[in-house]
N, C-alpha and C. Protein backbone atom coordinates (compact mmCIF):
# COMPACT_ATOMS: atom_id res chain seq x y z
N MET A 1 0.82 -1.20 0.00
CA MET A 1 0.00 0.00 0.00
C MET A 1 0.87 1.27 0.00
N LEU A 2 1.91 1.26 0.83
CA LEU A 2 2.80 2.41 0.91
C LEU A 2 3.55 2.62 -0.40
N GLU A 3 3.97 1.53 -1.03
CA GLU A 3 4.67 1.62 -2.31
C GLU A 3 3.77 2.23 -3.38
N LEU A 4 2.50 1.86 -3.35
CA LEU A 4 1.54 2.40 -4.32
C LEU A 4 1.36 3.90 -4.10
N LEU A 5 1.27 4.30 -2.85
CA LEU A 5 1.12 5.72 -2.52
C LEU A 5 2.37 6.50 -2.95
N GLN A 6 3.55 5.92 -2.73
CA GLN A 6 4.80 6.56 -3.16
C GLN A 6 4.84 6.72 -4.67
N LYS A 7 4.42 5.70 -5.38
CA LYS A 7 4.40 5.76 -6.84
C LYS A 7 3.43 6.85 -7.31
N GLU A 8 2.26 6.90 -6.71
CA GLU A 8 1.27 7.93 -7.06
C GLU A 8 1.84 9.33 -6.79
N PHE A 9 2.49 9.49 -5.66
CA PHE A 9 3.06 10.79 -5.32
C PHE A 9 4.15 11.19 -6.31
N GLU A 10 5.02 10.26 -6.68
CA GLU A 10 6.08 10.56 -7.64
C GLU A 10 5.51 10.99 -8.98
N GLU A 11 4.42 10.36 -9.39
CA GLU A 11 3.76 10.75 -10.64
C GLU A 11 3.21 12.17 -10.54
N ARG A 12 2.56 12.49 -9.42
CA ARG A 12 2.01 13.84 -9.24
C ARG A 12 3.12 14.87 -9.18
N ARG A 13 4.21 14.51 -8.49
CA ARG A 13 5.34 15.43 -8.36
C ARG A 13 5.99 15.71 -9.71
N ALA A 14 6.15 14.68 -10.52
CA ALA A 14 6.73 14.85 -11.86
C ALA A 14 5.83 15.74 -12.71
N TYR A 15 4.53 15.52 -12.63
CA TYR A 15 3.61 16.36 -13.39
C TYR A 15 3.66 17.80 -12.90
N TYR A 16 3.68 17.99 -11.59
CA TYR A 16 3.73 19.34 -11.02
C TYR A 16 4.98 20.07 -11.52
N ARG A 17 6.11 19.40 -11.47
CA ARG A 17 7.37 20.01 -11.95
C ARG A 17 7.29 20.36 -13.43
N SER A 18 6.65 19.51 -14.21
CA SER A 18 6.56 19.77 -15.65
C SER A 18 5.74 21.01 -15.96
N GLN A 19 4.91 21.44 -15.03
CA GLN A 19 4.07 22.61 -15.22
C GLN A 19 4.66 23.87 -14.60
N HIS A 20 5.87 23.76 -14.05
CA HIS A 20 6.55 24.87 -13.37
C HIS A 20 8.01 24.90 -13.81
N ARG A 21 8.26 25.37 -15.02
CA ARG A 21 9.61 25.31 -15.58
C ARG A 21 10.31 26.66 -15.62
N THR A 22 9.57 27.75 -15.76
CA THR A 22 10.22 29.05 -15.95
C THR A 22 10.64 29.66 -14.61
N VAL A 23 11.68 30.46 -14.66
CA VAL A 23 12.17 31.11 -13.44
C VAL A 23 11.09 32.01 -12.85
N GLY A 24 10.37 32.74 -13.69
CA GLY A 24 9.31 33.63 -13.20
C GLY A 24 8.24 32.89 -12.45
N CYS A 25 7.84 31.75 -12.98
CA CYS A 25 6.82 30.94 -12.31
C CYS A 25 7.36 30.40 -10.98
N LYS A 26 8.61 29.94 -10.99
CA LYS A 26 9.20 29.41 -9.76
C LYS A 26 9.28 30.49 -8.68
N VAL A 27 9.69 31.70 -9.04
CA VAL A 27 9.83 32.78 -8.05
C VAL A 27 8.46 33.16 -7.48
N THR A 28 7.46 33.29 -8.35
CA THR A 28 6.13 33.65 -7.83
C THR A 28 5.59 32.57 -6.90
N HIS A 29 5.90 31.32 -7.19
CA HIS A 29 5.46 30.24 -6.32
C HIS A 29 6.27 30.20 -5.01
N MET A 30 7.54 30.55 -5.09
CA MET A 30 8.38 30.55 -3.89
C MET A 30 7.91 31.60 -2.88
N ILE A 31 7.23 32.61 -3.34
CA ILE A 31 6.68 33.63 -2.45
C ILE A 31 5.22 33.33 -2.15
N GLY A 32 4.46 32.96 -3.18
CA GLY A 32 3.03 32.75 -3.04
C GLY A 32 2.65 31.56 -2.17
N ILE A 33 3.34 30.44 -2.32
CA ILE A 33 3.00 29.25 -1.53
C ILE A 33 3.24 29.48 -0.04
N PRO A 34 4.41 30.00 0.37
CA PRO A 34 4.58 30.27 1.81
C PRO A 34 3.56 31.30 2.34
N LEU A 35 3.21 32.29 1.53
CA LEU A 35 2.19 33.24 1.97
C LEU A 35 0.88 32.53 2.27
N MET A 36 0.50 31.63 1.39
CA MET A 36 -0.76 30.91 1.59
C MET A 36 -0.69 29.98 2.79
N VAL A 37 0.44 29.32 2.97
CA VAL A 37 0.60 28.42 4.12
C VAL A 37 0.56 29.21 5.43
N MET A 38 1.28 30.33 5.46
CA MET A 38 1.31 31.14 6.69
C MET A 38 -0.02 31.84 6.97
N SER A 39 -0.88 31.93 5.98
CA SER A 39 -2.18 32.54 6.22
C SER A 39 -3.05 31.67 7.14
N ILE A 40 -2.77 30.38 7.17
CA ILE A 40 -3.58 29.47 7.99
C ILE A 40 -3.43 29.77 9.49
N PRO A 41 -2.21 29.78 10.04
CA PRO A 41 -2.12 30.14 11.47
C PRO A 41 -2.46 31.61 11.73
N THR A 42 -2.22 32.47 10.74
CA THR A 42 -2.54 33.89 10.90
C THR A 42 -4.04 34.08 11.09
N LEU A 43 -4.83 33.18 10.51
CA LEU A 43 -6.28 33.25 10.62
C LEU A 43 -6.74 33.26 12.08
N LEU A 44 -5.98 32.61 12.95
CA LEU A 44 -6.35 32.56 14.37
C LEU A 44 -6.21 33.91 15.06
N PHE A 45 -5.35 34.78 14.53
CA PHE A 45 -5.06 36.05 15.19
C PHE A 45 -5.59 37.27 14.45
N ASN A 46 -5.59 37.19 13.13
CA ASN A 46 -5.98 38.35 12.34
C ASN A 46 -6.62 37.88 11.04
N ARG A 47 -7.93 37.80 11.07
CA ARG A 47 -8.67 37.25 9.93
C ARG A 47 -8.45 38.06 8.65
N LYS A 48 -8.46 39.38 8.77
CA LYS A 48 -8.30 40.23 7.60
C LYS A 48 -6.92 40.03 6.96
N MET A 49 -5.90 39.99 7.79
CA MET A 49 -4.55 39.79 7.27
C MET A 49 -4.42 38.42 6.62
N ALA A 50 -5.01 37.40 7.23
CA ALA A 50 -4.95 36.05 6.68
C ALA A 50 -5.60 36.00 5.30
N LEU A 51 -6.73 36.66 5.15
CA LEU A 51 -7.40 36.68 3.85
C LEU A 51 -6.58 37.44 2.81
N GLN A 52 -5.93 38.51 3.24
CA GLN A 52 -5.06 39.26 2.33
C GLN A 52 -3.85 38.42 1.91
N MET A 53 -3.28 37.68 2.85
CA MET A 53 -2.16 36.81 2.53
C MET A 53 -2.58 35.72 1.54
N GLN A 54 -3.76 35.14 1.79
CA GLN A 54 -4.27 34.10 0.90
C GLN A 54 -4.51 34.66 -0.51
N ALA A 55 -5.11 35.85 -0.58
CA ALA A 55 -5.37 36.48 -1.88
C ALA A 55 -4.06 36.84 -2.59
N GLY A 56 -3.10 37.35 -1.85
CA GLY A 56 -1.81 37.70 -2.44
C GLY A 56 -1.08 36.47 -2.96
N GLY A 57 -1.11 35.39 -2.18
CA GLY A 57 -0.48 34.15 -2.61
C GLY A 57 -1.13 33.58 -3.86
N LEU A 58 -2.46 33.62 -3.90
CA LEU A 58 -3.17 33.13 -5.08
C LEU A 58 -2.87 34.01 -6.30
N ALA A 59 -2.83 35.31 -6.08
CA ALA A 59 -2.52 36.23 -7.19
C ALA A 59 -1.15 35.92 -7.77
N LEU A 60 -0.17 35.69 -6.90
CA LEU A 60 1.17 35.35 -7.38
C LEU A 60 1.17 34.03 -8.16
N GLN A 61 0.38 33.08 -7.70
CA GLN A 61 0.28 31.80 -8.42
C GLN A 61 -0.26 32.02 -9.83
N PHE A 62 -1.31 32.80 -9.94
CA PHE A 62 -1.91 33.07 -11.25
C PHE A 62 -0.95 33.85 -12.15
N ILE A 63 -0.26 34.81 -11.58
CA ILE A 63 0.73 35.56 -12.37
C ILE A 63 1.80 34.61 -12.89
N GLY A 64 2.27 33.74 -12.02
CA GLY A 64 3.29 32.78 -12.43
C GLY A 64 2.85 31.92 -13.61
N HIS A 65 1.60 31.49 -13.57
CA HIS A 65 1.13 30.61 -14.64
C HIS A 65 0.75 31.36 -15.91
N TYR A 66 -0.02 32.42 -15.76
CA TYR A 66 -0.55 33.08 -16.95
C TYR A 66 0.46 34.03 -17.59
N VAL A 67 1.36 34.62 -16.82
CA VAL A 67 2.34 35.56 -17.38
C VAL A 67 3.63 34.83 -17.80
N PHE A 68 4.13 33.97 -16.95
CA PHE A 68 5.43 33.34 -17.20
C PHE A 68 5.34 31.95 -17.84
N GLU A 69 4.47 31.12 -17.30
CA GLU A 69 4.43 29.71 -17.74
C GLU A 69 3.46 29.49 -18.90
N HIS A 70 2.47 30.35 -19.03
CA HIS A 70 1.46 30.25 -20.09
C HIS A 70 0.67 28.93 -20.04
N ASN A 71 0.27 28.57 -18.82
CA ASN A 71 -0.58 27.41 -18.64
C ASN A 71 -1.50 27.64 -17.44
N LYS A 72 -2.40 26.71 -17.21
CA LYS A 72 -3.31 26.82 -16.07
C LYS A 72 -2.65 26.26 -14.82
N PRO A 73 -2.96 26.83 -13.65
CA PRO A 73 -2.44 26.25 -12.41
C PRO A 73 -2.89 24.80 -12.25
N VAL A 74 -1.99 23.97 -11.80
CA VAL A 74 -2.27 22.55 -11.64
C VAL A 74 -3.43 22.32 -10.68
N LEU A 75 -3.52 23.15 -9.65
CA LEU A 75 -4.59 22.95 -8.66
C LEU A 75 -5.97 23.24 -9.23
N LEU A 76 -6.06 23.96 -10.34
CA LEU A 76 -7.35 24.15 -11.00
C LEU A 76 -7.73 22.92 -11.83
N GLU A 77 -6.73 22.17 -12.24
CA GLU A 77 -6.98 20.99 -13.05
C GLU A 77 -7.33 19.78 -12.20
N THR A 78 -6.77 19.71 -11.02
CA THR A 78 -6.99 18.55 -10.16
C THR A 78 -7.20 19.01 -8.72
N ARG A 79 -7.98 18.28 -8.01
CA ARG A 79 -8.21 18.57 -6.59
C ARG A 79 -7.53 17.49 -5.73
N ASP A 80 -6.46 16.95 -6.22
CA ASP A 80 -5.76 15.85 -5.58
C ASP A 80 -4.89 16.36 -4.43
N PRO A 81 -5.09 15.83 -3.21
CA PRO A 81 -4.25 16.27 -2.08
C PRO A 81 -2.77 15.97 -2.28
N LEU A 82 -2.43 14.96 -3.06
CA LEU A 82 -1.02 14.66 -3.33
C LEU A 82 -0.37 15.80 -4.11
N VAL A 83 -1.14 16.50 -4.93
CA VAL A 83 -0.61 17.64 -5.68
C VAL A 83 -0.28 18.78 -4.72
N LEU A 84 -1.10 18.96 -3.69
CA LEU A 84 -0.80 19.99 -2.69
C LEU A 84 0.52 19.70 -1.99
N ILE A 85 0.74 18.44 -1.65
CA ILE A 85 1.99 18.05 -1.01
C ILE A 85 3.16 18.24 -1.99
N ALA A 86 2.95 17.90 -3.25
CA ALA A 86 3.99 18.09 -4.27
C ALA A 86 4.33 19.57 -4.40
N ALA A 87 3.31 20.44 -4.31
CA ALA A 87 3.55 21.89 -4.40
C ALA A 87 4.42 22.37 -3.24
N LEU A 88 4.13 21.90 -2.04
CA LEU A 88 4.93 22.28 -0.88
C LEU A 88 6.36 21.78 -1.02
N GLN A 89 6.52 20.55 -1.48
CA GLN A 89 7.85 20.01 -1.65
C GLN A 89 8.61 20.77 -2.74
N PHE A 90 7.95 21.08 -3.84
CA PHE A 90 8.56 21.83 -4.93
C PHE A 90 9.06 23.18 -4.43
N CYS A 91 8.24 23.87 -3.67
CA CYS A 91 8.62 25.18 -3.13
C CYS A 91 9.84 25.05 -2.23
N GLY A 92 9.83 24.05 -1.37
CA GLY A 92 10.99 23.82 -0.49
C GLY A 92 12.24 23.51 -1.28
N GLU A 93 12.11 22.71 -2.33
CA GLU A 93 13.27 22.38 -3.17
C GLU A 93 13.83 23.62 -3.85
N GLN A 94 12.94 24.49 -4.32
CA GLN A 94 13.40 25.70 -4.99
C GLN A 94 14.13 26.62 -4.01
N TRP A 95 13.60 26.75 -2.81
CA TRP A 95 14.30 27.56 -1.80
C TRP A 95 15.64 26.94 -1.45
N TRP A 96 15.71 25.61 -1.39
CA TRP A 96 16.96 24.92 -1.09
C TRP A 96 18.01 25.23 -2.15
N LEU A 97 17.59 25.23 -3.42
CA LEU A 97 18.52 25.59 -4.50
C LEU A 97 19.07 27.00 -4.31
N VAL A 98 18.18 27.93 -3.99
CA VAL A 98 18.59 29.32 -3.79
C VAL A 98 19.56 29.42 -2.62
N LEU A 99 19.25 28.77 -1.52
CA LEU A 99 20.12 28.83 -0.33
C LEU A 99 21.48 28.19 -0.58
N GLN A 100 21.54 27.27 -1.52
CA GLN A 100 22.82 26.65 -1.88
C GLN A 100 23.57 27.47 -2.92
N GLY A 101 22.97 28.56 -3.36
CA GLY A 101 23.62 29.41 -4.35
C GLY A 101 23.49 28.90 -5.77
N LYS A 102 22.56 28.00 -6.01
CA LYS A 102 22.36 27.46 -7.34
C LYS A 102 21.22 28.21 -8.02
N GLY A 103 21.22 28.21 -9.33
CA GLY A 103 20.19 28.91 -10.08
C GLY A 103 18.89 28.15 -10.13
N LEU A 104 17.81 28.89 -10.29
CA LEU A 104 16.50 28.27 -10.41
C LEU A 104 16.28 27.63 -11.77
N GLU A 105 17.20 27.89 -12.71
CA GLU A 105 17.07 27.28 -14.02
C GLU A 105 17.31 25.78 -13.94
N GLU A 106 18.06 25.36 -12.93
CA GLU A 106 18.37 23.94 -12.78
C GLU A 106 17.14 23.19 -12.31
N SER A 107 16.97 21.99 -12.80
CA SER A 107 15.89 21.16 -12.27
C SER A 107 16.35 20.58 -10.95
N CYS A 108 15.43 20.08 -10.18
CA CYS A 108 15.77 19.53 -8.87
C CYS A 108 16.66 18.30 -9.01
N GLU A 109 16.44 17.49 -10.04
CA GLU A 109 17.26 16.30 -10.24
C GLU A 109 18.70 16.70 -10.58
N GLU A 110 18.87 17.72 -11.43
CA GLU A 110 20.21 18.15 -11.82
C GLU A 110 20.98 18.69 -10.63
N ALA A 111 20.26 19.32 -9.71
CA ALA A 111 20.92 19.92 -8.55
C ALA A 111 21.21 18.89 -7.46
N GLU A 112 20.73 17.68 -7.64
CA GLU A 112 20.91 16.60 -6.66
C GLU A 112 20.59 17.07 -5.26
N ILE A 113 19.32 17.38 -5.07
CA ILE A 113 18.88 17.88 -3.77
C ILE A 113 18.93 16.76 -2.75
N SER A 114 19.61 17.04 -1.67
CA SER A 114 19.63 16.11 -0.54
C SER A 114 19.65 16.93 0.73
N VAL A 115 18.81 16.54 1.64
CA VAL A 115 18.70 17.28 2.90
C VAL A 115 19.21 16.43 4.02
């Protein structure tokens, strides 16, 4: 069962990466995804700010896809929770590349990401 779930996740992750190739899209996601994630705990303290963070994060996602990538956001195509996890992992991998001083042009496989 676990192997099947891993295989499914790897497929979703590969598809997610294939839809996020340009540097502009990667940068907008590197800012937008953390904004959206941080809006969740912010909701407990400041509802208005949390909604603004969520809206800003979504706006960045759309800019990344429609301006830079010229495709639809993956989350509009599928409501699969594995894609959400792939998005979080992708964002973390991109930040890891930046923190290592590597360019965002490199794919995650080429950069041999290991934590």
